[in-house]
Amino acid sequence: MLTHQLAHAELAAATWRKASRSNGNGGNNCVEVAFLDTGVAVRDSKDRSGPALMFTTAEWTAFVDSAKEGEFDINS
């Protein structure tokens, strides 16, 4: 319970960032990211008071590296 409360307090005080390229559709169809002492949080920009996904720094780094390498690209 203490961990959940700590995470909630940390999320409430977090600085959330959104990609500068997300404004094509009014900026509402994207996610926001917050870098915390305990890891990285991701939330839906349309539901800022809703839940956030929590990742360790290592998990986030692996995701970003894979995205940069094209691992998630959709081939048409």
C-alpha atoms as a PDB file:
ATOM      1  CA  MET A   1       0.000   0.000   0.000  1.00  0.00           C
ATOM      2  CA  LEU A   2       2.791   2.420   0.812  1.00  0.00           C
ATOM      3  CA  THR A   3       4.353   1.805  -2.609  1.00  0.00           C
ATOM      4  CA  HIS A   4       1.047   2.599  -4.336  1.00  0.00           C
ATOM      5  CA  GLN A   5       0.621   5.776  -2.277  1.00  0.00           C
ATOM      6  CA  LEU A   6       4.197   6.825  -3.011  1.00  0.00           C
ATOM      7  CA  ALA A   7       3.685   6.257  -6.743  1.00  0.00           C
ATOM      8  CA  HIS A   8       0.420   8.226  -6.643  1.00  0.00           C
ATOM      9  CA  ALA A   9       2.112  11.176  -4.917  1.00  0.00           C
ATOM     10  CA  GLU A  10       5.017  11.042  -7.363  1.00  0.00           C
ATOM     11  CA  LEU A  11       2.631  10.995 -10.353  1.00  0.00           C
ATOM     12  CA  ALA A  12       0.653  13.938  -8.990  1.00  0.00           C
ATOM     13  CA  ALA A  13       3.836  16.030  -8.804  1.00  0.00           C
ATOM     14  CA  ALA A  14       5.310  14.779 -12.094  1.00  0.00           C
ATOM     15  CA  THR A  15       6.135  16.898 -15.119  1.00  0.00           C
ATOM     16  CA  TRP A  16       4.385  15.248 -18.058  1.00  0.00           C
ATOM     17  CA  ARG A  17       5.741  15.607 -21.603  1.00  0.00           C
ATOM     18  CA  LYS A  18       4.152  15.034 -24.965  1.00  0.00           C
ATOM     19  CA  ALA A  19       5.890  14.733 -28.345  1.00  0.00           C
ATOM     20  CA  SER A  20       6.054  17.998 -30.272  1.00  0.00           C
ATOM     21  CA  ARG A  21       4.751  16.155 -33.354  1.00  0.00           C
ATOM     22  CA  SER A  22       1.563  15.114 -31.569  1.00  0.00           C
ATOM     23  CA  ASN A  23      -0.337  18.287 -32.447  1.00  0.00           C
ATOM     24  CA  GLY A  24      -1.501  17.073 -35.878  1.00  0.00           C
ATOM     25  CA  ASN A  25      -4.907  15.981 -34.534  1.00  0.00           C
ATOM     26  CA  GLY A  26      -5.306  18.653 -31.909  1.00  0.00           C
ATOM     27  CA  GLY A  27      -2.670  16.993 -29.742  1.00  0.00           C
ATOM     28  CA  ASN A  28      -5.181  14.707 -28.078  1.00  0.00           C
ATOM     29  CA  ASN A  29      -4.406  11.350 -29.681  1.00  0.00           C
ATOM     30  CA  CYS A  30      -1.179  10.522 -27.976  1.00  0.00           C
ATOM     31  CA  VAL A  31       0.468   9.563 -24.735  1.00  0.00           C
ATOM     32  CA  GLU A  32       2.354  11.640 -22.203  1.00  0.00           C
ATOM     33  CA  VAL A  33       5.521  10.528 -20.451  1.00  0.00           C
ATOM     34  CA  ALA A  34       6.890  11.483 -17.031  1.00  0.00           C
ATOM     35  CA  PHE A  35      10.405  10.658 -15.874  1.00  0.00           C
ATOM     36  CA  LEU A  36      10.300   9.817 -12.168  1.00  0.00           C
ATOM     37  CA  ASP A  37      12.857   8.849  -9.546  1.00  0.00           C
ATOM     38  CA  THR A  38      11.354   5.351  -9.579  1.00  0.00           C
ATOM     39  CA  GLY A  39      11.158   4.915 -13.377  1.00  0.00           C
ATOM     40  CA  VAL A  40       8.984   6.171 -16.237  1.00  0.00           C
ATOM     41  CA  ALA A  41       5.219   6.658 -16.309  1.00  0.00           C
ATOM     42  CA  VAL A  42       3.034   6.778 -19.435  1.00  0.00           C
ATOM     43  CA  ARG A  43      -0.581   7.973 -19.586  1.00  0.00           C
ATOM     44  CA  ASP A  44      -3.278   8.730 -22.154  1.00  0.00           C
ATOM     45  CA  SER A  45      -3.349  12.456 -22.938  1.00  0.00           C
ATOM     46  CA  LYS A  46      -7.167  12.316 -23.174  1.00  0.00           C
ATOM     47  CA  ASP A  47      -7.482  10.913 -19.634  1.00  0.00           C
ATOM     48  CA  ARG A  48      -4.936  12.743 -17.516  1.00  0.00           C
ATOM     49  CA  SER A  49      -6.585  11.715 -14.258  1.00  0.00           C
ATOM     50  CA  GLY A  50      -6.778   8.083 -15.360  1.00  0.00           C
ATOM     51  CA  PRO A  51      -4.275   5.297 -14.780  1.00  0.00           C
ATOM     52  CA  ALA A  52      -0.627   5.435 -15.773  1.00  0.00           C
ATOM     53  CA  LEU A  53       1.574   2.581 -16.888  1.00  0.00           C
ATOM     54  CA  MET A  54       4.806   2.346 -14.893  1.00  0.00           C
ATOM     55  CA  PHE A  55       8.095   1.102 -16.359  1.00  0.00           C
ATOM     56  CA  THR A  56      11.556   0.740 -14.944  1.00  0.00           C
ATOM     57  CA  THR A  57      14.237   2.888 -16.525  1.00  0.00           C
ATOM     58  CA  ALA A  58      15.737  -0.240 -18.131  1.00  0.00           C
ATOM     59  CA  GLU A  59      12.365  -1.247 -19.624  1.00  0.00           C
ATOM     60  CA  TRP A  60      11.792   2.251 -21.012  1.00  0.00           C
ATOM     61  CA  THR A  61      15.297   2.406 -22.489  1.00  0.00           C
ATOM     62  CA  ALA A  62      14.804  -0.983 -24.173  1.00  0.00           C
ATOM     63  CA  PHE A  63      11.474   0.194 -25.651  1.00  0.00           C
ATOM     64  CA  VAL A  64      12.892   3.485 -26.972  1.00  0.00           C
ATOM     65  CA  ASP A  65      15.960   1.757 -28.439  1.00  0.00           C
ATOM     66  CA  SER A  66      13.744  -0.815 -30.185  1.00  0.00           C
ATOM     67  CA  ALA A  67      11.488   1.914 -31.573  1.00  0.00           C
ATOM     68  CA  LYS A  68      14.498   3.801 -32.917  1.00  0.00           C
ATOM     69  CA  GLU A  69      15.741   0.606 -34.581  1.00  0.00           C
ATOM     70  CA  GLY A  70      12.381   0.123 -36.314  1.00  0.00           C
ATOM     71  CA  GLU A  71      11.357  -3.006 -34.443  1.00  0.00           C
ATOM     72  CA  PHE A  72       7.736  -1.828 -34.237  1.00  0.00           C
ATOM     73  CA  ASP A  73       7.447  -0.464 -37.781  1.00  0.00           C
ATOM     74  CA  ILE A  74       4.499  -1.791 -39.748  1.00  0.00           C
ATOM     75  CA  ASN A  75       5.470  -2.971 -43.218  1.00  0.00           C
ATOM     76  CA  SER A  76       2.725  -2.406 -45.776  1.00  0.00           C
END
